[in-house]
PDB file of all heavy atoms in Angstrom:
ATOM      1  N   GLU A   1     -24.013 -88.322-187.505  1.00  0.00           N
ATOM      2  CA  GLU A   1     -24.922 -87.666-188.438  1.00  0.00           C
ATOM      3  C   GLU A   1     -25.887 -86.750-187.701  1.00  0.00           C
ATOM      4  O   GLU A   1     -26.290 -87.028-186.584  1.00  0.00           O
ATOM      5  CB  GLU A   1     -25.726 -88.715-189.200  1.00  0.00           C
ATOM      6  CG  GLU A   1     -24.883 -89.565-190.100  1.00  0.00           C
ATOM      7  CD  GLU A   1     -25.728 -90.574-190.859  1.00  0.00           C
ATOM      8  OE1 GLU A   1     -26.852 -90.212-191.270  1.00  0.00           O
ATOM      9  OE2 GLU A   1     -25.271 -91.699-191.001  1.00  0.00           O
ATOM     10  N   GLN A   2     -26.263 -85.659-188.358  1.00  0.00           N
ATOM     11  CA  GLN A   2     -27.259 -84.764-187.799  1.00  0.00           C
ATOM     12  C   GLN A   2     -28.638 -85.251-188.198  1.00  0.00           C
ATOM     13  O   GLN A   2     -28.811 -85.923-189.217  1.00  0.00           O
ATOM     14  CB  GLN A   2     -27.048 -83.350-188.321  1.00  0.00           C
ATOM     15  CG  GLN A   2     -25.788 -82.705-187.820  1.00  0.00           C
ATOM     16  CD  GLN A   2     -25.700 -81.266-188.304  1.00  0.00           C
ATOM     17  OE1 GLN A   2     -26.453 -80.818-189.157  1.00  0.00           O
ATOM     18  NE2 GLN A   2     -24.766 -80.544-187.746  1.00  0.00           N
ATOM     19  N   LEU A   3     -29.635 -84.889-187.389  1.00  0.00           N
ATOM     20  CA  LEU A   3     -31.014 -85.211-187.744  1.00  0.00           C
ATOM     21  C   LEU A   3     -31.429 -84.363-188.924  1.00  0.00           C
ATOM     22  O   LEU A   3     -31.099 -83.181-189.008  1.00  0.00           O
ATOM     23  CB  LEU A   3     -31.942 -84.932-186.566  1.00  0.00           C
ATOM     24  CG  LEU A   3     -31.728 -85.790-185.340  1.00  0.00           C
ATOM     25  CD1 LEU A   3     -32.633 -85.316-184.221  1.00  0.00           C
ATOM     26  CD2 LEU A   3     -31.987 -87.246-185.659  1.00  0.00           C
ATOM     27  N   LYS A   4     -32.155 -84.967-189.841  1.00  0.00           N
ATOM     28  CA  LYS A   4     -32.609 -84.255-191.030  1.00  0.00           C
ATOM     29  C   LYS A   4     -34.101 -84.486-191.195  1.00  0.00           C
ATOM     30  O   LYS A   4     -34.588 -85.573-190.913  1.00  0.00           O
ATOM     31  CB  LYS A   4     -31.866 -84.764-192.261  1.00  0.00           C
ATOM     32  CG  LYS A   4     -30.380 -84.498-192.192  1.00  0.00           C
ATOM     33  CD  LYS A   4     -29.656 -85.061-193.384  1.00  0.00           C
ATOM     34  CE  LYS A   4     -28.169 -84.808-193.203  1.00  0.00           C
ATOM     35  NZ  LYS A   4     -27.342 -85.656-193.982  1.00  0.00           N
ATOM     36  N   PRO A   5     -34.835 -83.465-191.673  1.00  0.00           N
ATOM     37  CA  PRO A   5     -36.259 -83.664-191.930  1.00  0.00           C
ATOM     38  C   PRO A   5     -36.469 -84.807-192.912  1.00  0.00           C
ATOM     39  O   PRO A   5     -35.639 -85.050-193.780  1.00  0.00           O
ATOM     40  CB  PRO A   5     -36.713 -82.337-192.522  1.00  0.00           C
ATOM     41  CG  PRO A   5     -35.676 -81.353-192.097  1.00  0.00           C
ATOM     42  CD  PRO A   5     -34.395 -82.124-191.977  1.00  0.00           C
ATOM     43  N   ASN A   6     -37.614 -85.486-192.785  1.00  0.00           N
ATOM     44  CA  ASN A   6     -37.937 -86.583-193.700  1.00  0.00           C
ATOM     45  C   ASN A   6     -38.025 -86.097-195.135  1.00  0.00           C
ATOM     46  O   ASN A   6     -37.572 -86.757-196.054  1.00  0.00           O
ATOM     47  CB  ASN A   6     -39.273 -87.215-193.316  1.00  0.00           C
ATOM     48  CG  ASN A   6     -39.215 -87.879-191.966  1.00  0.00           C
ATOM     49  OD1 ASN A   6     -38.148 -88.057-191.404  1.00  0.00           O
ATOM     50  ND2 ASN A   6     -40.364 -88.244-191.443  1.00  0.00           N
ATOM     51  N   THR A   7     -38.667 -84.947-195.331  1.00  0.00           N
ATOM     52  CA  THR A   7     -38.777 -84.325-196.645  1.00  0.00           C
ATOM     53  C   THR A   7     -38.703 -82.815-196.420  1.00  0.00           C
ATOM     54  O   THR A   7     -38.902 -82.347-195.303  1.00  0.00           O
ATOM     55  CB  THR A   7     -40.121 -84.651-197.337  1.00  0.00           C
ATOM     56  OG1 THR A   7     -41.162 -83.993-196.644  1.00  0.00           O
ATOM     57  CG2 THR A   7     -40.370 -86.141-197.414  1.00  0.00           C
ATOM     58  N   PRO A   8     -38.440 -82.033-197.453  1.00  0.00           N
ATOM     59  CA  PRO A   8     -38.384 -80.578-197.271  1.00  0.00           C
ATOM     60  C   PRO A   8     -39.682 -79.975-196.748  1.00  0.00           C
ATOM     61  O   PRO A   8     -39.687 -78.910-196.169  1.00  0.00           O
ATOM     62  CB  PRO A   8     -38.072 -80.048-198.671  1.00  0.00           C
ATOM     63  CG  PRO A   8     -37.467 -81.192-199.404  1.00  0.00           C
ATOM     64  CD  PRO A   8     -38.069 -82.440-198.806  1.00  0.00           C
ATOM     65  N   MET A   9     -40.815 -80.641-196.931  1.00  0.00           N
ATOM     66  CA  MET A   9     -42.098 -80.093-196.534  1.00  0.00           C
ATOM     67  C   MET A   9     -42.478 -80.415-195.089  1.00  0.00           C
ATOM     68  O   MET A   9     -43.512 -79.988-194.620  1.00  0.00           O
ATOM     69  CB  MET A   9     -43.205 -80.630-197.460  1.00  0.00           C
ATOM     70  CG  MET A   9     -43.002 -80.271-198.913  1.00  0.00           C
ATOM     71  SD  MET A   9     -42.996 -78.497-199.206  1.00  0.00           S
ATOM     72  CE  MET A   9     -44.703 -78.120-198.867  1.00  0.00           C
ATOM     73  N   ASN A  10     -41.690 -81.174-194.350  1.00  0.00           N
ATOM     74  CA  ASN A  10     -42.115 -81.654-193.043  1.00  0.00           C
ATOM     75  C   ASN A  10     -41.879 -80.700-191.883  1.00  0.00           C
ATOM     76  O   ASN A  10     -42.228 -81.011-190.759  1.00  0.00           O
ATOM     77  CB  ASN A  10     -41.491 -83.016-192.740  1.00  0.00           C
ATOM     78  CG  ASN A  10     -42.290 -84.143-193.334  1.00  0.00           C
ATOM     79  OD1 ASN A  10     -43.381 -83.942-193.840  1.00  0.00           O
ATOM     80  ND2 ASN A  10     -41.759 -85.334-193.273  1.00  0.00           N
ATOM     81  N   ASN A  11     -41.284 -79.548-192.098  1.00  0.00           N
ATOM     82  CA  ASN A  11     -41.180 -78.508-191.067  1.00  0.00           C
ATOM     83  C   ASN A  11     -40.794 -79.031-189.694  1.00  0.00           C
ATOM     84  O   ASN A  11     -41.528 -78.874-188.730  1.00  0.00           O
ATOM     85  CB  ASN A  11     -42.490 -77.730-190.967  1.00  0.00           C
ATOM     86  CG  ASN A  11     -42.800 -76.988-192.238  1.00  0.00           C
ATOM     87  OD1 ASN A  11     -41.910 -76.520-192.925  1.00  0.00           O
ATOM     88  ND2 ASN A  11     -44.070 -76.892-192.580  1.00  0.00           N
ATOM     89  N   GLY A  12     -39.666 -79.661-189.577  1.00  0.00           N
ATOM     90  CA  GLY A  12     -39.166 -80.074-188.269  1.00  0.00           C
ATOM     91  C   GLY A  12     -39.450 -81.501-187.879  1.00  0.00           C
ATOM     92  O   GLY A  12     -38.995 -81.955-186.840  1.00  0.00           O
ATOM     93  N   ILE A  13     -40.215 -82.242-188.678  1.00  0.00           N
ATOM     94  CA  ILE A  13     -40.446 -83.651-188.355  1.00  0.00           C
ATOM     95  C   ILE A  13     -39.268 -84.447-188.873  1.00  0.00           C
ATOM     96  O   ILE A  13     -38.909 -84.359-190.043  1.00  0.00           O
ATOM     97  CB  ILE A  13     -41.759 -84.175-188.962  1.00  0.00           C
ATOM     98  CG1 ILE A  13     -42.942 -83.414-188.365  1.00  0.00           C
ATOM     99  CG2 ILE A  13     -41.897 -85.674-188.720  1.00  0.00           C
ATOM    100  CD1 ILE A  13     -44.276 -83.788-188.956  1.00  0.00           C
ATOM    101  N   CYS A  14     -38.651 -85.187-187.965  1.00  0.00           N
ATOM    102  CA  CYS A  14     -37.478 -85.980-188.314  1.00  0.00           C
ATOM    103  C   CYS A  14     -37.715 -87.436-187.947  1.00  0.00           C
ATOM    104  O   CYS A  14     -38.371 -87.729-186.955  1.00  0.00           O
ATOM    105  CB  CYS A  14     -36.250 -85.495-187.546  1.00  0.00           C
ATOM    106  SG  CYS A  14     -35.790 -83.809-187.922  1.00  0.00           S
ATOM    107  N   LYS A  15     -37.172 -88.304-188.744  1.00  0.00           N
ATOM    108  CA  LYS A  15     -37.238 -89.730-188.446  1.00  0.00           C
ATOM    109  C   LYS A  15     -35.915 -90.127-187.824  1.00  0.00           C
ATOM    110  O   LYS A  15     -34.857 -89.917-188.402  1.00  0.00           O
ATOM    111  CB  LYS A  15     -37.490 -90.537-189.707  1.00  0.00           C
ATOM    112  CG  LYS A  15     -37.596 -92.037-189.456  1.00  0.00           C
ATOM    113  CD  LYS A  15     -37.910 -92.805-190.713  1.00  0.00           C
ATOM    114  CE  LYS A  15     -39.298 -92.588-191.218  1.00  0.00           C
ATOM    115  NZ  LYS A  15     -40.367 -93.101-190.375  1.00  0.00           N
ATOM    116  N   LEU A  16     -35.995 -90.659-186.601  1.00  0.00           N
ATOM    117  CA  LEU A  16     -34.793 -91.173-185.968  1.00  0.00           C
ATOM    118  C   LEU A  16     -34.461 -92.510-186.595  1.00  0.00           C
ATOM    119  O   LEU A  16     -35.352 -93.320-186.866  1.00  0.00           O
ATOM    120  CB  LEU A  16     -35.015 -91.347-184.464  1.00  0.00           C
ATOM    121  CG  LEU A  16     -35.269 -90.073-183.672  1.00  0.00           C
ATOM    122  CD1 LEU A  16     -35.568 -90.415-182.221  1.00  0.00           C
ATOM    123  CD2 LEU A  16     -34.096 -89.133-183.766  1.00  0.00           C
ATOM    124  N   SER A  17     -33.206 -92.754-186.803  1.00  0.00           N
ATOM    125  CA  SER A  17     -32.829 -94.049-187.350  1.00  0.00           C
ATOM    126  C   SER A  17     -33.118 -95.109-186.301  1.00  0.00           C
ATOM    127  O   SER A  17     -33.197 -94.829-185.106  1.00  0.00           O
ATOM    128  CB  SER A  17     -31.353 -94.048-187.741  1.00  0.00           C
ATOM    129  OG  SER A  17     -30.554 -94.459-186.682  1.00  0.00           O
ATOM    130  N   PHE A  18     -33.281 -96.323-186.741  1.00  0.00           N
ATOM    131  CA  PHE A  18     -33.568 -97.390-185.794  1.00  0.00           C
ATOM    132  C   PHE A  18     -32.312 -97.858-185.078  1.00  0.00           C
ATOM    133  O   PHE A  18     -32.344 -98.825-184.330  1.00  0.00           O
ATOM    134  CB  PHE A  18     -34.345 -98.518-186.473  1.00  0.00           C
ATOM    135  CG  PHE A  18     -35.769 -98.107-186.758  1.00  0.00           C
ATOM    136  CD1 PHE A  18     -36.167 -97.793-188.042  1.00  0.00           C
ATOM    137  CD2 PHE A  18     -36.683 -97.998-185.729  1.00  0.00           C
ATOM    138  CE1 PHE A  18     -37.469 -97.385-188.295  1.00  0.00           C
ATOM    139  CE2 PHE A  18     -37.985 -97.585-185.962  1.00  0.00           C
ATOM    140  CZ  PHE A  18     -38.380 -97.286-187.256  1.00  0.00           C
ATOM    141  N   ASP A  19     -31.176 -97.123-185.267  1.00  0.00           N
ATOM    142  CA  ASP A  19     -30.007 -97.310-184.403  1.00  0.00           C
ATOM    143  C   ASP A  19     -30.345 -96.810-183.000  1.00  0.00           C
ATOM    144  O   ASP A  19     -29.754 -97.240-182.027  1.00  0.00           O
ATOM    145  CB  ASP A  19     -28.789 -96.546-184.930  1.00  0.00           C
ATOM    146  CG  ASP A  19     -28.309 -97.086-186.268  1.00  0.00           C
ATOM    147  OD1 ASP A  19     -28.602 -98.258-186.586  1.00  0.00           O
ATOM    148  OD2 ASP A  19     -27.636 -96.338-186.994  1.00  0.00           O
ATOM    149  N   PHE A  20     -31.300 -95.852-182.934  1.00  0.00           N
ATOM    150  CA  PHE A  20     -31.802 -95.364-181.657  1.00  0.00           C
ATOM    151  C   PHE A  20     -32.875 -96.329-181.173  1.00  0.00           C
ATOM    152  O   PHE A  20     -33.549 -96.963-181.983  1.00  0.00           O
ATOM    153  CB  PHE A  20     -32.461 -93.978-181.815  1.00  0.00           C
ATOM    154  CG  PHE A  20     -31.508 -92.858-182.060  1.00  0.00           C
ATOM    155  CD1 PHE A  20     -31.263 -92.416-183.347  1.00  0.00           C
ATOM    156  CD2 PHE A  20     -30.854 -92.237-181.005  1.00  0.00           C
ATOM    157  CE1 PHE A  20     -30.400 -91.374-183.584  1.00  0.00           C
ATOM    158  CE2 PHE A  20     -29.987 -91.190-181.230  1.00  0.00           C
ATOM    159  CZ  PHE A  20     -29.754 -90.760-182.517  1.00  0.00           C
ATOM    160  N   PRO A  21     -33.101 -96.396-179.875  1.00  0.00           N
ATOM    161  CA  PRO A  21     -34.251 -97.177-179.400  1.00  0.00           C
ATOM    162  C   PRO A  21     -35.534 -96.546-179.937  1.00  0.00           C
ATOM    163  O   PRO A  21     -35.584 -95.347-180.207  1.00  0.00           O
ATOM    164  CB  PRO A  21     -34.192 -97.027-177.875  1.00  0.00           C
ATOM    165  CG  PRO A  21     -32.856 -96.474-177.564  1.00  0.00           C
ATOM    166  CD  PRO A  21     -32.347 -95.796-178.795  1.00  0.00           C
ATOM    167  N   ILE A  22     -36.573 -97.332-180.087  1.00  0.00           N
ATOM    168  CA  ILE A  22     -37.854 -96.800-180.545  1.00  0.00           C
ATOM    169  C   ILE A  22     -38.438 -95.979-179.402  1.00  0.00           C
ATOM    170  O   ILE A  22     -38.773 -96.510-178.353  1.00  0.00           O
ATOM    171  CB  ILE A  22     -38.805 -97.923-180.975  1.00  0.00           C
ATOM    172  CG1 ILE A  22     -38.199 -98.636-182.176  1.00  0.00           C
ATOM    173  CG2 ILE A  22     -40.186 -97.368-181.305  1.00  0.00           C
ATOM    174  CD1 ILE A  22     -38.955 -99.856-182.617  1.00  0.00           C
ATOM    175  N   ILE A  23     -38.476 -94.663-179.618  1.00  0.00           N
ATOM    176  CA  ILE A  23     -38.926 -93.767-178.559  1.00  0.00           C
ATOM    177  C   ILE A  23     -40.184 -93.011-178.933  1.00  0.00           C
ATOM    178  O   ILE A  23     -40.734 -92.298-178.128  1.00  0.00           O
ATOM    179  CB  ILE A  23     -37.821 -92.762-178.168  1.00  0.00           C
ATOM    180  CG1 ILE A  23     -37.366 -91.969-179.383  1.00  0.00           C
ATOM    181  CG2 ILE A  23     -36.660 -93.470-177.510  1.00  0.00           C
ATOM    182  CD1 ILE A  23     -36.434 -90.850-179.058  1.00  0.00           C
ATOM    183  N   SER A  24     -40.638 -93.165-180.168  1.00  0.00           N
ATOM    184  CA  SER A  24     -41.804 -92.417-180.606  1.00  0.00           C
ATOM    185  C   SER A  24     -42.633 -93.302-181.523  1.00  0.00           C
ATOM    186  O   SER A  24     -42.108 -93.846-182.494  1.00  0.00           O
ATOM    187  CB  SER A  24     -41.352 -91.153-181.338  1.00  0.00           C
ATOM    188  OG  SER A  24     -42.427 -90.303-181.616  1.00  0.00           O
ATOM    189  N   ASN A  25     -43.925 -93.482-181.191  1.00  0.00           N
ATOM    190  CA  ASN A  25     -44.805 -94.289-182.031  1.00  0.00           C
ATOM    191  C   ASN A  25     -44.950 -93.654-183.405  1.00  0.00           C
ATOM    192  O   ASN A  25     -44.805 -92.453-183.562  1.00  0.00           O
ATOM    193  CB  ASN A  25     -46.185 -94.419-181.395  1.00  0.00           C
ATOM    194  CG  ASN A  25     -46.172 -95.308-180.180  1.00  0.00           C
ATOM    195  OD1 ASN A  25     -45.253 -96.082-179.970  1.00  0.00           O
ATOM    196  ND2 ASN A  25     -47.195 -95.197-179.363  1.00  0.00           N
ATOM    197  N   GLY A  26     -45.252 -94.454-184.376  1.00  0.00           N
ATOM    198  CA  GLY A  26     -45.485 -93.923-185.725  1.00  0.00           C
ATOM    199  C   GLY A  26     -44.212 -93.814-186.521  1.00  0.00           C
ATOM    200  O   GLY A  26     -43.990 -92.822-187.200  1.00  0.00           O
ATOM    201  N   GLY A  27     -43.329 -94.790-186.419  1.00  0.00           N
ATOM    202  CA  GLY A  27     -42.135 -94.793-187.251  1.00  0.00           C
ATOM    203  C   GLY A  27     -40.930 -94.112-186.644  1.00  0.00           C
ATOM    204  O   GLY A  27     -39.991 -93.784-187.346  1.00  0.00           O
ATOM    205  N   ASN A  28     -40.952 -93.879-185.344  1.00  0.00           N
ATOM    206  CA  ASN A  28     -39.833 -93.245-184.640  1.00  0.00           C
ATOM    207  C   ASN A  28     -39.592 -91.810-185.118  1.00  0.00           C
ATOM    208  O   ASN A  28     -38.471 -91.327-185.123  1.00  0.00           O
ATOM    209  CB  ASN A  28     -38.563 -94.080-184.741  1.00  0.00           C
ATOM    210  CG  ASN A  28     -37.822 -94.153-183.423  1.00  0.00           C
ATOM    211  OD1 ASN A  28     -38.387 -93.896-182.365  1.00  0.00           O
ATOM    212  ND2 ASN A  28     -36.560 -94.512-183.463  1.00  0.00           N
ATOM    213  N   ASP A  29     -40.679 -91.127-185.522  1.00  0.00           N
ATOM    214  CA  ASP A  29     -40.586 -89.719-185.896  1.00  0.00           C
ATOM    215  C   ASP A  29     -40.647 -88.847-184.648  1.00  0.00           C
ATOM    216  O   ASP A  29     -41.334 -89.188-183.685  1.00  0.00           O
ATOM    217  CB  ASP A  29     -41.760 -89.304-186.788  1.00  0.00           C
ATOM    218  CG  ASP A  29     -41.712 -89.922-188.170  1.00  0.00           C
ATOM    219  OD1 ASP A  29     -40.638 -90.412-188.559  1.00  0.00           O
ATOM    220  OD2 ASP A  29     -42.750 -89.906-188.848  1.00  0.00           O
ATOM    221  N   ILE A  30     -39.940 -87.744-184.684  1.00  0.00           N
ATOM    222  CA  ILE A  30     -40.036 -86.717-183.655  1.00  0.00           C
ATOM    223  C   ILE A  30     -40.274 -85.385-184.351  1.00  0.00           C
ATOM    224  O   ILE A  30     -40.013 -85.242-185.541  1.00  0.00           O
ATOM    225  CB  ILE A  30     -38.782 -86.654-182.755  1.00  0.00           C
ATOM    226  CG1 ILE A  30     -37.534 -86.330-183.580  1.00  0.00           C
ATOM    227  CG2 ILE A  30     -38.610 -87.945-181.975  1.00  0.00           C
ATOM    228  CD1 ILE A  30     -36.284 -86.059-182.757  1.00  0.00           C
ATOM    229  N   TRP A  31     -40.753 -84.409-183.599  1.00  0.00           N
ATOM    230  CA  TRP A  31     -41.021 -83.083-184.148  1.00  0.00           C
ATOM    231  C   TRP A  31     -40.188 -82.092-183.350  1.00  0.00           C
ATOM    232  O   TRP A  31     -40.343 -81.979-182.137  1.00  0.00           O
ATOM    233  CB  TRP A  31     -42.488 -82.787-184.019  1.00  0.00           C
ATOM    234  CG  TRP A  31     -42.984 -81.557-184.712  1.00  0.00           C
ATOM    235  CD1 TRP A  31     -42.251 -80.575-185.303  1.00  0.00           C
ATOM    236  CD2 TRP A  31     -44.349 -81.194-184.865  1.00  0.00           C
ATOM    237  NE1 TRP A  31     -43.070 -79.634-185.823  1.00  0.00           N
ATOM    238  CE2 TRP A  31     -44.366 -79.978-185.571  1.00  0.00           C
ATOM    239  CE3 TRP A  31     -45.544 -81.766-184.474  1.00  0.00           C
ATOM    240  CZ2 TRP A  31     -45.545 -79.332-185.891  1.00  0.00           C
ATOM    241  CZ3 TRP A  31     -46.721 -81.108-184.804  1.00  0.00           C
ATOM    242  CH2 TRP A  31     -46.719 -79.914-185.511  1.00  0.00           C
ATOM    243  N   ILE A  32     -39.316 -81.363-184.022  1.00  0.00           N
ATOM    244  CA  ILE A  32     -38.434 -80.396-183.370  1.00  0.00           C
ATOM    245  C   ILE A  32     -38.862 -78.991-183.763  1.00  0.00           C
ATOM    246  O   ILE A  32     -38.899 -78.658-184.949  1.00  0.00           O
ATOM    247  CB  ILE A  32     -36.965 -80.623-183.767  1.00  0.00           C
ATOM    248  CG1 ILE A  32     -36.535 -82.045-183.412  1.00  0.00           C
ATOM    249  CG2 ILE A  32     -36.062 -79.578-183.095  1.00  0.00           C
ATOM    250  CD1 ILE A  32     -35.181 -82.431-183.942  1.00  0.00           C
ATOM    251  N   CYS A  33     -39.203 -78.178-182.771  1.00  0.00           N
ATOM    252  CA  CYS A  33     -39.555 -76.773-182.981  1.00  0.00           C
ATOM    253  C   CYS A  33     -38.464 -75.939-182.318  1.00  0.00           C
ATOM    254  O   CYS A  33     -38.157 -76.153-181.152  1.00  0.00           O
ATOM    255  CB  CYS A  33     -40.895 -76.444-182.335  1.00  0.00           C
ATOM    256  SG  CYS A  33     -42.222 -77.541-182.790  1.00  0.00           S
ATOM    257  N   GLN A  34     -37.887 -75.011-183.046  1.00  0.00           N
ATOM    258  CA  GLN A  34     -36.807 -74.204-182.492  1.00  0.00           C
ATOM    259  C   GLN A  34     -37.173 -72.732-182.505  1.00  0.00           C
ATOM    260  O   GLN A  34     -37.687 -72.224-183.492  1.00  0.00           O
ATOM    261  CB  GLN A  34     -35.520 -74.409-183.289  1.00  0.00           C
ATOM    262  CG  GLN A  34     -34.350 -73.656-182.710  1.00  0.00           C
ATOM    263  CD  GLN A  34     -33.035 -74.030-183.365  1.00  0.00           C
ATOM    264  OE1 GLN A  34     -32.987 -74.859-184.262  1.00  0.00           O
ATOM    265  NE2 GLN A  34     -31.972 -73.431-182.918  1.00  0.00           N
ATOM    266  N   ASN A  35     -36.930 -72.066-181.373  1.00  0.00           N
ATOM    267  CA  ASN A  35     -37.070 -70.625-181.282  1.00  0.00           C
ATOM    268  C   ASN A  35     -35.705 -70.047-181.660  1.00  0.00           C
ATOM    269  O   ASN A  35     -34.771 -70.074-180.868  1.00  0.00           O
ATOM    270  CB  ASN A  35     -37.465 -70.226-179.860  1.00  0.00           C
ATOM    271  CG  ASN A  35     -37.626 -68.741-179.692  1.00  0.00           C
ATOM    272  OD1 ASN A  35     -36.942 -67.950-180.343  1.00  0.00           O
ATOM    273  ND2 ASN A  35     -38.516 -68.349-178.799  1.00  0.00           N
ATOM    274  N   LYS A  36     -35.602 -69.569-182.881  1.00  0.00           N
ATOM    275  CA  LYS A  36     -34.296 -69.111-183.389  1.00  0.00           C
ATOM    276  C   LYS A  36     -33.771 -67.893-182.642  1.00  0.00           C
ATOM    277  O   LYS A  36     -32.583 -67.712-182.513  1.00  0.00           O
ATOM    278  CB  LYS A  36     -34.391 -68.850-184.882  1.00  0.00           C
ATOM    279  CG  LYS A  36     -34.667 -70.122-185.664  1.00  0.00           C
ATOM    280  CD  LYS A  36     -34.627 -69.874-187.148  1.00  0.00           C
ATOM    281  CE  LYS A  36     -35.119 -71.039-187.946  1.00  0.00           C
ATOM    282  NZ  LYS A  36     -34.406 -72.244-187.897  1.00  0.00           N
ATOM    283  N   THR A  37     -34.665 -67.051-182.112  1.00  0.00           N
ATOM    284  CA  THR A  37     -34.220 -65.862-181.382  1.00  0.00           C
ATOM    285  C   THR A  37     -33.604 -66.241-180.048  1.00  0.00           C
ATOM    286  O   THR A  37     -32.569 -65.708-179.662  1.00  0.00           O
ATOM    287  CB  THR A  37     -35.407 -64.914-181.115  1.00  0.00           C
ATOM    288  OG1 THR A  37     -36.332 -64.974-182.171  1.00  0.00           O
ATOM    289  CG2 THR A  37     -34.944 -63.494-180.982  1.00  0.00           C
ATOM    290  N   GLU A  38     -34.263 -67.151-179.339  1.00  0.00           N
ATOM    291  CA  GLU A  38     -33.814 -67.533-177.995  1.00  0.00           C
ATOM    292  C   GLU A  38     -32.847 -68.710-178.002  1.00  0.00           C
ATOM    293  O   GLU A  38     -32.178 -68.965-177.015  1.00  0.00           O
ATOM    294  CB  GLU A  38     -35.033 -67.897-177.130  1.00  0.00           C
ATOM    295  CG  GLU A  38     -36.054 -66.799-176.989  1.00  0.00           C
ATOM    296  CD  GLU A  38     -35.543 -65.624-176.185  1.00  0.00           C
ATOM    297  OE1 GLU A  38     -34.781 -65.841-175.227  1.00  0.00           O
ATOM    298  OE2 GLU A  38     -35.911 -64.483-176.511  1.00  0.00           O
ATOM    299  N   GLY A  39     -32.835 -69.473-179.096  1.00  0.00           N
ATOM    300  CA  GLY A  39     -31.987 -70.661-179.152  1.00  0.00           C
ATOM    301  C   GLY A  39     -32.552 -71.830-178.343  1.00  0.00           C
ATOM    302  O   GLY A  39     -31.827 -72.755-177.997  1.00  0.00           O
TER     303      GLY A  39
END
């Protein structure tokens, strides 16, 4: 599965499933920012 935002309004904040080790405090959320021009 691909990572998906928690809600449409979260602008890159994704919740990792707990199949992953807990790597981020606050519910295993991460924030992904992408530079679309540079990739």
